[in-house]
Amino acid sequence: YVDSSLIGTRKFDKAAIFSAAGDGVWATSPGLKTKPEDIQSLVQGYNDAGSIFASGFWFDGQKYMSIKANDRSIYGRKGKEGVCAVKTKQTILVGHYPEGVTPGEAAKVIEQLGDYLIGMEY
């Protein structure tokens, strides 16, 4: 899913799938630097949206300021690039979109993959 459903759309240049509990990395795109504390900051954001709005979150060594956070989706921006994350029953899908991709384009792709995985009981 990382390569074909996220990177393959050309809306994301980096992507990962984490366990929803934040205790494991299921898949990453090549070269992505994932730290356990970064995953935990997203998990905490799903549990308490206020915390992620106050402090932002980290992905691939970069800090992003939250522009949306609820129990399903977390979006962050840094300049003209950003990150979209979607939580399903078992996973957290995370994708980084580069400059030139609009937040709406990126959100549509990752939200559709989230819907698909939810429908498949993931």
PDB file of N, CA and C in Angstrom:
ATOM      1  N   TYR A   1       0.810  -1.202   0.000  1.00  0.00           N
ATOM      2  CA  TYR A   1       0.000   0.000   0.000  1.00  0.00           C
ATOM      3  C   TYR A   1       0.854   1.267   0.000  1.00  0.00           C
ATOM      4  N   VAL A   2       1.999   1.218   0.667  1.00  0.00           N
ATOM      5  CA  VAL A   2       2.863   2.395   0.714  1.00  0.00           C
ATOM      6  C   VAL A   2       3.301   2.776  -0.695  1.00  0.00           C
ATOM      7  N   ASP A   3       3.817   1.800  -1.436  1.00  0.00           N
ATOM      8  CA  ASP A   3       4.332   2.106  -2.770  1.00  0.00           C
ATOM      9  C   ASP A   3       3.231   2.343  -3.801  1.00  0.00           C
ATOM     10  N   SER A   4       2.290   1.430  -3.902  1.00  0.00           N
ATOM     11  CA  SER A   4       1.303   1.535  -4.975  1.00  0.00           C
ATOM     12  C   SER A   4       0.182   2.527  -4.678  1.00  0.00           C
ATOM     13  N   SER A   5      -0.362   2.512  -3.475  1.00  0.00           N
ATOM     14  CA  SER A   5      -1.528   3.345  -3.180  1.00  0.00           C
ATOM     15  C   SER A   5      -1.189   4.754  -2.704  1.00  0.00           C
ATOM     16  N   LEU A   6       0.021   4.971  -2.223  1.00  0.00           N
ATOM     17  CA  LEU A   6       0.401   6.317  -1.763  1.00  0.00           C
ATOM     18  C   LEU A   6       1.498   6.918  -2.649  1.00  0.00           C
ATOM     19  N   ILE A   7       2.679   6.348  -2.643  1.00  0.00           N
ATOM     20  CA  ILE A   7       3.785   6.887  -3.444  1.00  0.00           C
ATOM     21  C   ILE A   7       3.438   6.844  -4.934  1.00  0.00           C
ATOM     22  N   GLY A   8       2.805   5.774  -5.365  1.00  0.00           N
ATOM     23  CA  GLY A   8       2.462   5.596  -6.776  1.00  0.00           C
ATOM     24  C   GLY A   8       1.518   6.645  -7.338  1.00  0.00           C
ATOM     25  N   THR A   9       0.775   7.326  -6.471  1.00  0.00           N
ATOM     26  CA  THR A   9      -0.140   8.376  -6.937  1.00  0.00           C
ATOM     27  C   THR A   9       0.592   9.673  -7.289  1.00  0.00           C
ATOM     28  N   ARG A  10       1.831   9.766  -6.883  1.00  0.00           N
ATOM     29  CA  ARG A  10       2.665  10.965  -7.066  1.00  0.00           C
ATOM     30  C   ARG A  10       2.163  12.160  -6.259  1.00  0.00           C
ATOM     31  N   LYS A  11       1.304  11.893  -5.291  1.00  0.00           N
ATOM     32  CA  LYS A  11       0.858  12.934  -4.364  1.00  0.00           C
ATOM     33  C   LYS A  11       1.712  12.913  -3.102  1.00  0.00           C
ATOM     34  N   PHE A  12       2.376  11.787  -2.848  1.00  0.00           N
ATOM     35  CA  PHE A  12       3.237  11.626  -1.679  1.00  0.00           C
ATOM     36  C   PHE A  12       4.624  11.206  -2.128  1.00  0.00           C
ATOM     37  N   ASP A  13       5.642  11.706  -1.421  1.00  0.00           N
ATOM     38  CA  ASP A  13       7.007  11.277  -1.724  1.00  0.00           C
ATOM     39  C   ASP A  13       7.587  10.384  -0.627  1.00  0.00           C
ATOM     40  N   LYS A  14       6.911  10.323   0.538  1.00  0.00           N
ATOM     41  CA  LYS A  14       7.297   9.445   1.637  1.00  0.00           C
ATOM     42  C   LYS A  14       6.009   8.971   2.297  1.00  0.00           C
ATOM     43  N   ALA A  15       6.030   7.726   2.768  1.00  0.00           N
ATOM     44  CA  ALA A  15       4.828   7.213   3.416  1.00  0.00           C
ATOM     45  C   ALA A  15       5.190   6.072   4.354  1.00  0.00           C
ATOM     46  N   ALA A  16       4.281   5.827   5.307  1.00  0.00           N
ATOM     47  CA  ALA A  16       4.484   4.741   6.259  1.00  0.00           C
ATOM     48  C   ALA A  16       3.134   4.225   6.731  1.00  0.00           C
ATOM     49  N   ILE A  17       3.169   2.998   7.220  1.00  0.00           N
ATOM     50  CA  ILE A  17       2.013   2.414   7.893  1.00  0.00           C
ATOM     51  C   ILE A  17       2.497   1.930   9.250  1.00  0.00           C
ATOM     52  N   PHE A  18       1.883   2.465  10.312  1.00  0.00           N
ATOM     53  CA  PHE A  18       2.206   2.092  11.681  1.00  0.00           C
ATOM     54  C   PHE A  18       1.030   1.314  12.264  1.00  0.00           C
ATOM     55  N   SER A  19       1.281   0.567  13.325  1.00  0.00           N
ATOM     56  CA  SER A  19       0.173  -0.052  14.040  1.00  0.00           C
ATOM     57  C   SER A  19      -0.616   1.052  14.738  1.00  0.00           C
ATOM     58  N   ALA A  20      -1.907   0.881  14.869  1.00  0.00           N
ATOM     59  CA  ALA A  20      -2.749   1.901  15.497  1.00  0.00           C
ATOM     60  C   ALA A  20      -2.362   2.140  16.948  1.00  0.00           C
ATOM     61  N   ALA A  21      -1.800   1.135  17.595  1.00  0.00           N
ATOM     62  CA  ALA A  21      -1.356   1.280  18.979  1.00  0.00           C
ATOM     63  C   ALA A  21      -0.040   2.044  19.071  1.00  0.00           C
ATOM     64  N   GLY A  22       0.638   2.195  17.933  1.00  0.00           N
ATOM     65  CA  GLY A  22       1.910   2.914  17.920  1.00  0.00           C
ATOM     66  C   GLY A  22       3.089   2.068  18.338  1.00  0.00           C
ATOM     67  N   ASP A  23       2.899   0.752  18.388  1.00  0.00           N
ATOM     68  CA  ASP A  23       3.985  -0.112  18.856  1.00  0.00           C
ATOM     69  C   ASP A  23       4.716  -0.852  17.744  1.00  0.00           C
ATOM     70  N   GLY A  24       4.460  -0.468  16.493  1.00  0.00           N
ATOM     71  CA  GLY A  24       5.162  -1.143  15.409  1.00  0.00           C
ATOM     72  C   GLY A  24       5.065  -0.413  14.091  1.00  0.00           C
ATOM     73  N   VAL A  25       6.086  -0.604  13.276  1.00  0.00           N
ATOM     74  CA  VAL A  25       6.120  -0.057  11.919  1.00  0.00           C
ATOM     75  C   VAL A  25       5.821  -1.212  10.982  1.00  0.00           C
ATOM     76  N   TRP A  26       4.738  -1.093  10.194  1.00  0.00           N
ATOM     77  CA  TRP A  26       4.351  -2.165   9.291  1.00  0.00           C
ATOM     78  C   TRP A  26       5.010  -2.018   7.928  1.00  0.00           C
ATOM     79  N   ALA A  27       5.197  -0.785   7.477  1.00  0.00           N
ATOM     80  CA  ALA A  27       5.824  -0.561   6.167  1.00  0.00           C
ATOM     81  C   ALA A  27       6.267   0.897   6.075  1.00  0.00           C
ATOM     82  N   THR A  28       7.350   1.143   5.334  1.00  0.00           N
ATOM     83  CA  THR A  28       7.804   2.513   5.072  1.00  0.00           C
ATOM     84  C   THR A  28       8.357   2.600   3.658  1.00  0.00           C
ATOM     85  N   SER A  29       8.350   3.807   3.142  1.00  0.00           N
ATOM     86  CA  SER A  29       9.007   4.038   1.863  1.00  0.00           C
ATOM     87  C   SER A  29      10.517   4.103   2.112  1.00  0.00           C
ATOM     88  N   PRO A  30      11.322   3.844   1.084  1.00  0.00           N
ATOM     89  CA  PRO A  30      12.777   3.853   1.255  1.00  0.00           C
ATOM     90  C   PRO A  30      13.282   5.199   1.775  1.00  0.00           C
ATOM     91  N   GLY A  31      14.216   5.130   2.719  1.00  0.00           N
ATOM     92  CA  GLY A  31      14.867   6.332   3.237  1.00  0.00           C
ATOM     93  C   GLY A  31      14.111   7.071   4.318  1.00  0.00           C
ATOM     94  N   LEU A  32      12.938   6.622   4.663  1.00  0.00           N
ATOM     95  CA  LEU A  32      12.148   7.294   5.697  1.00  0.00           C
ATOM     96  C   LEU A  32      12.744   7.007   7.064  1.00  0.00           C
ATOM     97  N   LYS A  33      12.957   8.082   7.836  1.00  0.00           N
ATOM     98  CA  LYS A  33      13.506   7.950   9.186  1.00  0.00           C
ATOM     99  C   LYS A  33      12.349   7.980  10.180  1.00  0.00           C
ATOM    100  N   THR A  34      12.088   6.848  10.804  1.00  0.00           N
ATOM    101  CA  THR A  34      10.972   6.746  11.735  1.00  0.00           C
ATOM    102  C   THR A  34      11.496   6.497  13.141  1.00  0.00           C
ATOM    103  N   LYS A  35      11.083   7.335  14.076  1.00  0.00           N
ATOM    104  CA  LYS A  35      11.460   7.168  15.472  1.00  0.00           C
ATOM    105  C   LYS A  35      10.222   6.782  16.274  1.00  0.00           C
ATOM    106  N   PRO A  36      10.372   5.925  17.277  1.00  0.00           N
ATOM    107  CA  PRO A  36       9.225   5.528  18.097  1.00  0.00           C
ATOM    108  C   PRO A  36       8.490   6.725  18.722  1.00  0.00           C
ATOM    109  N   GLU A  37       9.230   7.733  19.137  1.00  0.00           N
ATOM    110  CA  GLU A  37       8.575   8.900  19.750  1.00  0.00           C
ATOM    111  C   GLU A  37       7.743   9.693  18.743  1.00  0.00           C
ATOM    112  N   ASP A  38       8.111   9.653  17.475  1.00  0.00           N
ATOM    113  CA  ASP A  38       7.304  10.313  16.444  1.00  0.00           C
ATOM    114  C   ASP A  38       5.966   9.598  16.270  1.00  0.00           C
ATOM    115  N   ILE A  39       6.023   8.275  16.265  1.00  0.00           N
ATOM    116  CA  ILE A  39       4.801   7.488  16.145  1.00  0.00           C
ATOM    117  C   ILE A  39       3.905   7.748  17.353  1.00  0.00           C
ATOM    118  N   GLN A  40       4.509   7.767  18.529  1.00  0.00           N
ATOM    119  CA  GLN A  40       3.736   7.993  19.749  1.00  0.00           C
ATOM    120  C   GLN A  40       3.103   9.378  19.779  1.00  0.00           C
ATOM    121  N   SER A  41       3.760  10.378  19.169  1.00  0.00           N
ATOM    122  CA  SER A  41       3.152  11.716  19.150  1.00  0.00           C
ATOM    123  C   SER A  41       1.873  11.715  18.310  1.00  0.00           C
ATOM    124  N   LEU A  42       1.845  10.936  17.238  1.00  0.00           N
ATOM    125  CA  LEU A  42       0.614  10.811  16.452  1.00  0.00           C
ATOM    126  C   LEU A  42      -0.462  10.064  17.235  1.00  0.00           C
ATOM    127  N   VAL A  43      -0.088   8.982  17.882  1.00  0.00           N
ATOM    128  CA  VAL A  43      -1.052   8.225  18.687  1.00  0.00           C
ATOM    129  C   VAL A  43      -1.645   9.138  19.762  1.00  0.00           C
ATOM    130  N   GLN A  44      -0.806   9.912  20.419  1.00  0.00           N
ATOM    131  CA  GLN A  44      -1.286  10.847  21.445  1.00  0.00           C
ATOM    132  C   GLN A  44      -2.220  11.884  20.825  1.00  0.00           C
ATOM    133  N   GLY A  45      -1.920  12.327  19.620  1.00  0.00           N
ATOM    134  CA  GLY A  45      -2.779  13.283  18.935  1.00  0.00           C
ATOM    135  C   GLY A  45      -4.163  12.734  18.653  1.00  0.00           C
ATOM    136  N   TYR A  46      -4.242  11.436  18.351  1.00  0.00           N
ATOM    137  CA  TYR A  46      -5.550  10.821  18.145  1.00  0.00           C
ATOM    138  C   TYR A  46      -6.328  10.737  19.460  1.00  0.00           C
ATOM    139  N   ASN A  47      -5.616  10.553  20.557  1.00  0.00           N
ATOM    140  CA  ASN A  47      -6.262  10.457  21.867  1.00  0.00           C
ATOM    141  C   ASN A  47      -6.607  11.819  22.456  1.00  0.00           C
ATOM    142  N   ASP A  48      -5.835  12.848  22.095  1.00  0.00           N
ATOM    143  CA  ASP A  48      -6.020  14.191  22.653  1.00  0.00           C
ATOM    144  C   ASP A  48      -5.613  15.214  21.595  1.00  0.00           C
ATOM    145  N   ALA A  49      -6.574  15.631  20.777  1.00  0.00           N
ATOM    146  CA  ALA A  49      -6.286  16.551  19.670  1.00  0.00           C
ATOM    147  C   ALA A  49      -5.671  17.860  20.161  1.00  0.00           C
ATOM    148  N   GLY A  50      -6.042  18.308  21.339  1.00  0.00           N
ATOM    149  CA  GLY A  50      -5.494  19.551  21.875  1.00  0.00           C
ATOM    150  C   GLY A  50      -3.986  19.514  22.025  1.00  0.00           C
ATOM    151  N   SER A  51      -3.452  18.368  22.390  1.00  0.00           N
ATOM    152  CA  SER A  51      -2.004  18.262  22.586  1.00  0.00           C
ATOM    153  C   SER A  51      -1.245  18.429  21.278  1.00  0.00           C
ATOM    154  N   ILE A  52      -1.779  17.904  20.211  1.00  0.00           N
ATOM    155  CA  ILE A  52      -1.076  17.985  18.931  1.00  0.00           C
ATOM    156  C   ILE A  52      -1.236  19.370  18.292  1.00  0.00           C
ATOM    157  N   PHE A  53      -2.355  20.058  18.607  1.00  0.00           N
ATOM    158  CA  PHE A  53      -2.497  21.436  18.141  1.00  0.00           C
ATOM    159  C   PHE A  53      -1.505  22.337  18.870  1.00  0.00           C
ATOM    160  N   ALA A  54      -1.275  22.070  20.132  1.00  0.00           N
ATOM    161  CA  ALA A  54      -0.387  22.906  20.934  1.00  0.00           C
ATOM    162  C   ALA A  54       1.089  22.726  20.563  1.00  0.00           C
ATOM    163  N   SER A  55       1.487  21.487  20.312  1.00  0.00           N
ATOM    164  CA  SER A  55       2.917  21.232  20.115  1.00  0.00           C
ATOM    165  C   SER A  55       3.306  20.755  18.730  1.00  0.00           C
ATOM    166  N   GLY A  56       2.346  20.449  17.863  1.00  0.00           N
ATOM    167  CA  GLY A  56       2.673  19.905  16.556  1.00  0.00           C
ATOM    168  C   GLY A  56       3.121  18.456  16.685  1.00  0.00           C
ATOM    169  N   PHE A  57       3.719  17.931  15.620  1.00  0.00           N
ATOM    170  CA  PHE A  57       4.204  16.558  15.641  1.00  0.00           C
ATOM    171  C   PHE A  57       5.390  16.428  14.691  1.00  0.00           C
ATOM    172  N   TRP A  58       6.119  15.341  14.821  1.00  0.00           N
ATOM    173  CA  TRP A  58       7.311  15.080  14.024  1.00  0.00           C
ATOM    174  C   TRP A  58       7.071  13.919  13.073  1.00  0.00           C
ATOM    175  N   PHE A  59       7.632  14.045  11.868  1.00  0.00           N
ATOM    176  CA  PHE A  59       7.610  12.956  10.896  1.00  0.00           C
ATOM    177  C   PHE A  59       8.855  13.072  10.039  1.00  0.00           C
ATOM    178  N   ASP A  60       9.614  12.003   9.937  1.00  0.00           N
ATOM    179  CA  ASP A  60      10.839  11.958   9.134  1.00  0.00           C
ATOM    180  C   ASP A  60      11.819  13.074   9.518  1.00  0.00           C
ATOM    181  N   GLY A  61      11.942  13.327  10.810  1.00  0.00           N
ATOM    182  CA  GLY A  61      12.916  14.306  11.294  1.00  0.00           C
ATOM    183  C   GLY A  61      12.495  15.757  11.153  1.00  0.00           C
ATOM    184  N   GLN A  62      11.270  16.020  10.735  1.00  0.00           N
ATOM    185  CA  GLN A  62      10.778  17.389  10.562  1.00  0.00           C
ATOM    186  C   GLN A  62       9.559  17.622  11.446  1.00  0.00           C
ATOM    187  N   LYS A  63       9.442  18.837  11.981  1.00  0.00           N
ATOM    188  CA  LYS A  63       8.296  19.177  12.806  1.00  0.00           C
ATOM    189  C   LYS A  63       7.218  19.827  11.939  1.00  0.00           C
ATOM    190  N   TYR A  64       5.977  19.403  12.160  1.00  0.00           N
ATOM    191  CA  TYR A  64       4.833  19.937  11.425  1.00  0.00           C
ATOM    192  C   TYR A  64       3.841  20.521  12.414  1.00  0.00           C
ATOM    193  N   MET A  65       3.238  21.630  12.044  1.00  0.00           N
ATOM    194  CA  MET A  65       2.202  22.244  12.862  1.00  0.00           C
ATOM    195  C   MET A  65       0.855  21.685  12.418  1.00  0.00           C
ATOM    196  N   SER A  66       0.069  21.286  13.377  1.00  0.00           N
ATOM    197  CA  SER A  66      -1.224  20.665  13.086  1.00  0.00           C
ATOM    198  C   SER A  66      -2.216  21.679  12.543  1.00  0.00           C
ATOM    199  N   ILE A  67      -2.889  21.287  11.468  1.00  0.00           N
ATOM    200  CA  ILE A  67      -3.950  22.126  10.910  1.00  0.00           C
ATOM    201  C   ILE A  67      -5.300  21.421  11.001  1.00  0.00           C
ATOM    202  N   LYS A  68      -5.265  20.111  11.317  1.00  0.00           N
ATOM    203  CA  LYS A  68      -6.490  19.340  11.545  1.00  0.00           C
ATOM    204  C   LYS A  68      -6.125  18.174  12.443  1.00  0.00           C
ATOM    205  N   ALA A  69      -6.965  17.917  13.422  1.00  0.00           N
ATOM    206  CA  ALA A  69      -6.740  16.761  14.285  1.00  0.00           C
ATOM    207  C   ALA A  69      -8.069  16.315  14.884  1.00  0.00           C
ATOM    208  N   ASN A  70      -8.405  15.078  14.638  1.00  0.00           N
ATOM    209  CA  ASN A  70      -9.572  14.468  15.269  1.00  0.00           C
ATOM    210  C   ASN A  70      -9.276  12.983  15.449  1.00  0.00           C
ATOM    211  N   ASP A  71     -10.262  12.188  15.817  1.00  0.00           N
ATOM    212  CA  ASP A  71      -9.987  10.780  16.105  1.00  0.00           C
ATOM    213  C   ASP A  71      -9.740   9.926  14.858  1.00  0.00           C
ATOM    214  N   ARG A  72      -9.857  10.511  13.669  1.00  0.00           N
ATOM    215  CA  ARG A  72      -9.582   9.796  12.422  1.00  0.00           C
ATOM    216  C   ARG A  72      -8.395  10.382  11.654  1.00  0.00           C
ATOM    217  N   SER A  73      -8.313  11.705  11.551  1.00  0.00           N
ATOM    218  CA  SER A  73      -7.320  12.338  10.677  1.00  0.00           C
ATOM    219  C   SER A  73      -6.501  13.393  11.392  1.00  0.00           C
ATOM    220  N   ILE A  74      -5.213  13.415  11.061  1.00  0.00           N
ATOM    221  CA  ILE A  74      -4.312  14.462  11.540  1.00  0.00           C
ATOM    222  C   ILE A  74      -3.565  14.989  10.320  1.00  0.00           C
ATOM    223  N   TYR A  75      -3.620  16.303  10.132  1.00  0.00           N
ATOM    224  CA  TYR A  75      -2.894  16.933   9.035  1.00  0.00           C
ATOM    225  C   TYR A  75      -1.953  17.980   9.619  1.00  0.00           C
ATOM    226  N   GLY A  76      -0.780  18.086   9.013  1.00  0.00           N
ATOM    227  CA  GLY A  76       0.191  19.080   9.451  1.00  0.00           C
ATOM    228  C   GLY A  76       0.861  19.739   8.277  1.00  0.00           C
ATOM    229  N   ARG A  77       1.323  20.981   8.500  1.00  0.00           N
ATOM    230  CA  ARG A  77       2.004  21.743   7.449  1.00  0.00           C
ATOM    231  C   ARG A  77       3.340  22.249   7.946  1.00  0.00           C
ATOM    232  N   LYS A  78       4.266  22.380   7.006  1.00  0.00           N
ATOM    233  CA  LYS A  78       5.556  23.027   7.232  1.00  0.00           C
ATOM    234  C   LYS A  78       5.881  23.717   5.924  1.00  0.00           C
ATOM    235  N   GLY A  79       5.678  25.026   5.887  1.00  0.00           N
ATOM    236  CA  GLY A  79       5.883  25.751   4.642  1.00  0.00           C
ATOM    237  C   GLY A  79       4.887  25.304   3.598  1.00  0.00           C
ATOM    238  N   LYS A  80       5.385  24.884   2.427  1.00  0.00           N
ATOM    239  CA  LYS A  80       4.509  24.474   1.328  1.00  0.00           C
ATOM    240  C   LYS A  80       4.382  22.955   1.208  1.00  0.00           C
ATOM    241  N   GLU A  81       4.820  22.237   2.224  1.00  0.00           N
ATOM    242  CA  GLU A  81       4.695  20.788   2.224  1.00  0.00           C
ATOM    243  C   GLU A  81       3.939  20.369   3.473  1.00  0.00           C
ATOM    244  N   GLY A  82       3.571  19.105   3.542  1.00  0.00           N
ATOM    245  CA  GLY A  82       2.813  18.681   4.701  1.00  0.00           C
ATOM    246  C   GLY A  82       2.706  17.177   4.843  1.00  0.00           C
ATOM    247  N   VAL A  83       1.958  16.797   5.871  1.00  0.00           N
ATOM    248  CA  VAL A  83       1.757  15.398   6.210  1.00  0.00           C
ATOM    249  C   VAL A  83       0.271  15.171   6.464  1.00  0.00           C
ATOM    250  N   CYS A  84      -0.232  14.052   5.964  1.00  0.00           N
ATOM    251  CA  CYS A  84      -1.605  13.616   6.243  1.00  0.00           C
ATOM    252  C   CYS A  84      -1.512  12.245   6.905  1.00  0.00           C
ATOM    253  N   ALA A  85      -2.269  12.059   7.972  1.00  0.00           N
ATOM    254  CA  ALA A  85      -2.322  10.773   8.656  1.00  0.00           C
ATOM    255  C   ALA A  85      -3.781  10.391   8.867  1.00  0.00           C
ATOM    256  N   VAL A  86      -4.076   9.115   8.660  1.00  0.00           N
ATOM    257  CA  VAL A  86      -5.432   8.594   8.840  1.00  0.00           C
ATOM    258  C   VAL A  86      -5.341   7.327   9.686  1.00  0.00           C
ATOM    259  N   LYS A  87      -6.192   7.262  10.704  1.00  0.00           N
ATOM    260  CA  LYS A  87      -6.229   6.094  11.582  1.00  0.00           C
ATOM    261  C   LYS A  87      -7.372   5.180  11.158  1.00  0.00           C
ATOM    262  N   THR A  88      -7.057   3.904  11.024  1.00  0.00           N
ATOM    263  CA  THR A  88      -8.067   2.887  10.778  1.00  0.00           C
ATOM    264  C   THR A  88      -8.159   2.029  12.040  1.00  0.00           C
ATOM    265  N   LYS A  89      -8.872   0.942  11.975  1.00  0.00           N
ATOM    266  CA  LYS A  89      -9.022   0.073  13.142  1.00  0.00           C
ATOM    267  C   LYS A  89      -7.673  -0.455  13.633  1.00  0.00           C
ATOM    268  N   GLN A  90      -6.785  -0.843  12.703  1.00  0.00           N
ATOM    269  CA  GLN A  90      -5.513  -1.467  13.072  1.00  0.00           C
ATOM    270  C   GLN A  90      -4.277  -0.666  12.691  1.00  0.00           C
ATOM    271  N   THR A  91      -4.436   0.375  11.877  1.00  0.00           N
ATOM    272  CA  THR A  91      -3.264   1.067  11.348  1.00  0.00           C
ATOM    273  C   THR A  91      -3.358   2.582  11.481  1.00  0.00           C
ATOM    274  N   ILE A  92      -2.200   3.209  11.300  1.00  0.00           N
ATOM    275  CA  ILE A  92      -2.124   4.646  11.060  1.00  0.00           C
ATOM    276  C   ILE A  92      -1.369   4.797   9.755  1.00  0.00           C
ATOM    277  N   LEU A  93      -2.030   5.352   8.752  1.00  0.00           N
ATOM    278  CA  LEU A  93      -1.411   5.630   7.456  1.00  0.00           C
ATOM    279  C   LEU A  93      -0.861   7.042   7.511  1.00  0.00           C
ATOM    280  N   VAL A  94       0.386   7.229   7.089  1.00  0.00           N
ATOM    281  CA  VAL A  94       0.990   8.560   7.112  1.00  0.00           C
ATOM    282  C   VAL A  94       1.677   8.804   5.778  1.00  0.00           C
ATOM    283  N   GLY A  95       1.407   9.962   5.184  1.00  0.00           N
ATOM    284  CA  GLY A  95       2.050  10.323   3.928  1.00  0.00           C
ATOM    285  C   GLY A  95       2.540  11.754   3.954  1.00  0.00           C
ATOM    286  N   HIS A  96       3.718  11.975   3.400  1.00  0.00           N
ATOM    287  CA  HIS A  96       4.290  13.321   3.267  1.00  0.00           C
ATOM    288  C   HIS A  96       4.094  13.780   1.830  1.00  0.00           C
ATOM    289  N   TYR A  97       3.492  14.948   1.667  1.00  0.00           N
ATOM    290  CA  TYR A  97       3.342  15.498   0.317  1.00  0.00           C
ATOM    291  C   TYR A  97       4.289  16.675   0.138  1.00  0.00           C
ATOM    292  N   PRO A  98       4.946  16.741  -1.023  1.00  0.00           N
ATOM    293  CA  PRO A  98       5.929  17.788  -1.281  1.00  0.00           C
ATOM    294  C   PRO A  98       5.289  19.074  -1.800  1.00  0.00           C
ATOM    295  N   GLU A  99       6.101  20.094  -1.909  1.00  0.00           N
ATOM    296  CA  GLU A  99       5.664  21.345  -2.529  1.00  0.00           C
ATOM    297  C   GLU A  99       5.144  21.034  -3.924  1.00  0.00           C
ATOM    298  N   GLY A 100       4.061  21.669  -4.312  1.00  0.00           N
ATOM    299  CA  GLY A 100       3.463  21.439  -5.622  1.00  0.00           C
ATOM    300  C   GLY A 100       2.223  20.558  -5.557  1.00  0.00           C
ATOM    301  N   VAL A 101       2.038  19.861  -4.446  1.00  0.00           N
ATOM    302  CA  VAL A 101       0.834  19.061  -4.226  1.00  0.00           C
ATOM    303  C   VAL A 101      -0.024  19.816  -3.221  1.00  0.00           C
ATOM    304  N   THR A 102      -1.299  19.972  -3.521  1.00  0.00           N
ATOM    305  CA  THR A 102      -2.165  20.694  -2.594  1.00  0.00           C
ATOM    306  C   THR A 102      -2.593  19.777  -1.447  1.00  0.00           C
ATOM    307  N   PRO A 103      -2.859  20.355  -0.285  1.00  0.00           N
ATOM    308  CA  PRO A 103      -3.319  19.534   0.836  1.00  0.00           C
ATOM    309  C   PRO A 103      -4.573  18.732   0.487  1.00  0.00           C
ATOM    310  N   GLY A 104      -5.476  19.312  -0.286  1.00  0.00           N
ATOM    311  CA  GLY A 104      -6.697  18.615  -0.666  1.00  0.00           C
ATOM    312  C   GLY A 104      -6.432  17.390  -1.523  1.00  0.00           C
ATOM    313  N   GLU A 105      -5.476  17.494  -2.457  1.00  0.00           N
ATOM    314  CA  GLU A 105      -5.127  16.346  -3.302  1.00  0.00           C
ATOM    315  C   GLU A 105      -4.576  15.203  -2.454  1.00  0.00           C
ATOM    316  N   ALA A 106      -3.678  15.549  -1.544  1.00  0.00           N
ATOM    317  CA  ALA A 106      -3.060  14.535  -0.684  1.00  0.00           C
ATOM    318  C   ALA A 106      -4.097  13.916   0.250  1.00  0.00           C
ATOM    319  N   ALA A 107      -4.935  14.751   0.850  1.00  0.00           N
ATOM    320  CA  ALA A 107      -5.947  14.254   1.784  1.00  0.00           C
ATOM    321  C   ALA A 107      -6.907  13.292   1.095  1.00  0.00           C
ATOM    322  N   LYS A 108      -7.307  13.612  -0.112  1.00  0.00           N
ATOM    323  CA  LYS A 108      -8.249  12.750  -0.837  1.00  0.00           C
ATOM    324  C   LYS A 108      -7.670  11.349  -1.024  1.00  0.00           C
ATOM    325  N   VAL A 109      -6.405  11.269  -1.405  1.00  0.00           N
ATOM    326  CA  VAL A 109      -5.770   9.970  -1.650  1.00  0.00           C
ATOM    327  C   VAL A 109      -5.678   9.154  -0.367  1.00  0.00           C
ATOM    328  N   ILE A 110      -5.176   9.757   0.696  1.00  0.00           N
ATOM    329  CA  ILE A 110      -4.961   8.987   1.925  1.00  0.00           C
ATOM    330  C   ILE A 110      -6.275   8.661   2.630  1.00  0.00           C
ATOM    331  N   GLU A 111      -7.245   9.554   2.534  1.00  0.00           N
ATOM    332  CA  GLU A 111      -8.554   9.280   3.140  1.00  0.00           C
ATOM    333  C   GLU A 111      -9.254   8.133   2.403  1.00  0.00           C
ATOM    334  N   GLN A 112      -9.114   8.065   1.076  1.00  0.00           N
ATOM    335  CA  GLN A 112      -9.713   6.963   0.320  1.00  0.00           C
ATOM    336  C   GLN A 112      -9.066   5.628   0.687  1.00  0.00           C
ATOM    337  N   LEU A 113      -7.749   5.625   0.858  1.00  0.00           N
ATOM    338  CA  LEU A 113      -7.081   4.392   1.278  1.00  0.00           C
ATOM    339  C   LEU A 113      -7.536   4.014   2.687  1.00  0.00           C
ATOM    340  N   GLY A 114      -7.685   4.997   3.556  1.00  0.00           N
ATOM    341  CA  GLY A 114      -8.203   4.732   4.895  1.00  0.00           C
ATOM    342  C   GLY A 114      -9.591   4.118   4.848  1.00  0.00           C
ATOM    343  N   ASP A 115     -10.464   4.672   4.010  1.00  0.00           N
ATOM    344  CA  ASP A 115     -11.812   4.125   3.862  1.00  0.00           C
ATOM    345  C   ASP A 115     -11.768   2.667   3.389  1.00  0.00           C
ATOM    346  N   TYR A 116     -10.893   2.397   2.431  1.00  0.00           N
ATOM    347  CA  TYR A 116     -10.763   1.039   1.913  1.00  0.00           C
ATOM    348  C   TYR A 116     -10.328   0.071   3.021  1.00  0.00           C
ATOM    349  N   LEU A 117      -9.298   0.448   3.778  1.00  0.00           N
ATOM    350  CA  LEU A 117      -8.804  -0.426   4.839  1.00  0.00           C
ATOM    351  C   LEU A 117      -9.842  -0.614   5.948  1.00  0.00           C
ATOM    352  N   ILE A 118     -10.567   0.428   6.272  1.00  0.00           N
ATOM    353  CA  ILE A 118     -11.641   0.297   7.258  1.00  0.00           C
ATOM    354  C   ILE A 118     -12.693  -0.696   6.758  1.00  0.00           C
ATOM    355  N   GLY A 119     -13.029  -0.591   5.479  1.00  0.00           N
ATOM    356  CA  GLY A 119     -13.983  -1.525   4.885  1.00  0.00           C
ATOM    357  C   GLY A 119     -13.496  -2.959   4.892  1.00  0.00           C
ATOM    358  N   MET A 120     -12.176  -3.148   4.886  1.00  0.00           N
ATOM    359  CA  MET A 120     -11.592  -4.477   4.920  1.00  0.00           C
ATOM    360  C   MET A 120     -11.287  -4.925   6.356  1.00  0.00           C
ATOM    361  N   GLU A 121     -11.796  -4.179   7.335  1.00  0.00           N
ATOM    362  CA  GLU A 121     -11.605  -4.467   8.757  1.00  0.00           C
ATOM    363  C   GLU A 121     -10.175  -4.271   9.243  1.00  0.00           C
ATOM    364  N   TYR A 122      -9.406  -3.450   8.542  1.00  0.00           N
ATOM    365  CA  TYR A 122      -8.082  -3.087   9.005  1.00  0.00           C
ATOM    366  C   TYR A 122      -8.157  -1.725   9.646  1.00  0.00           C
TER     367      TYR A 122
END
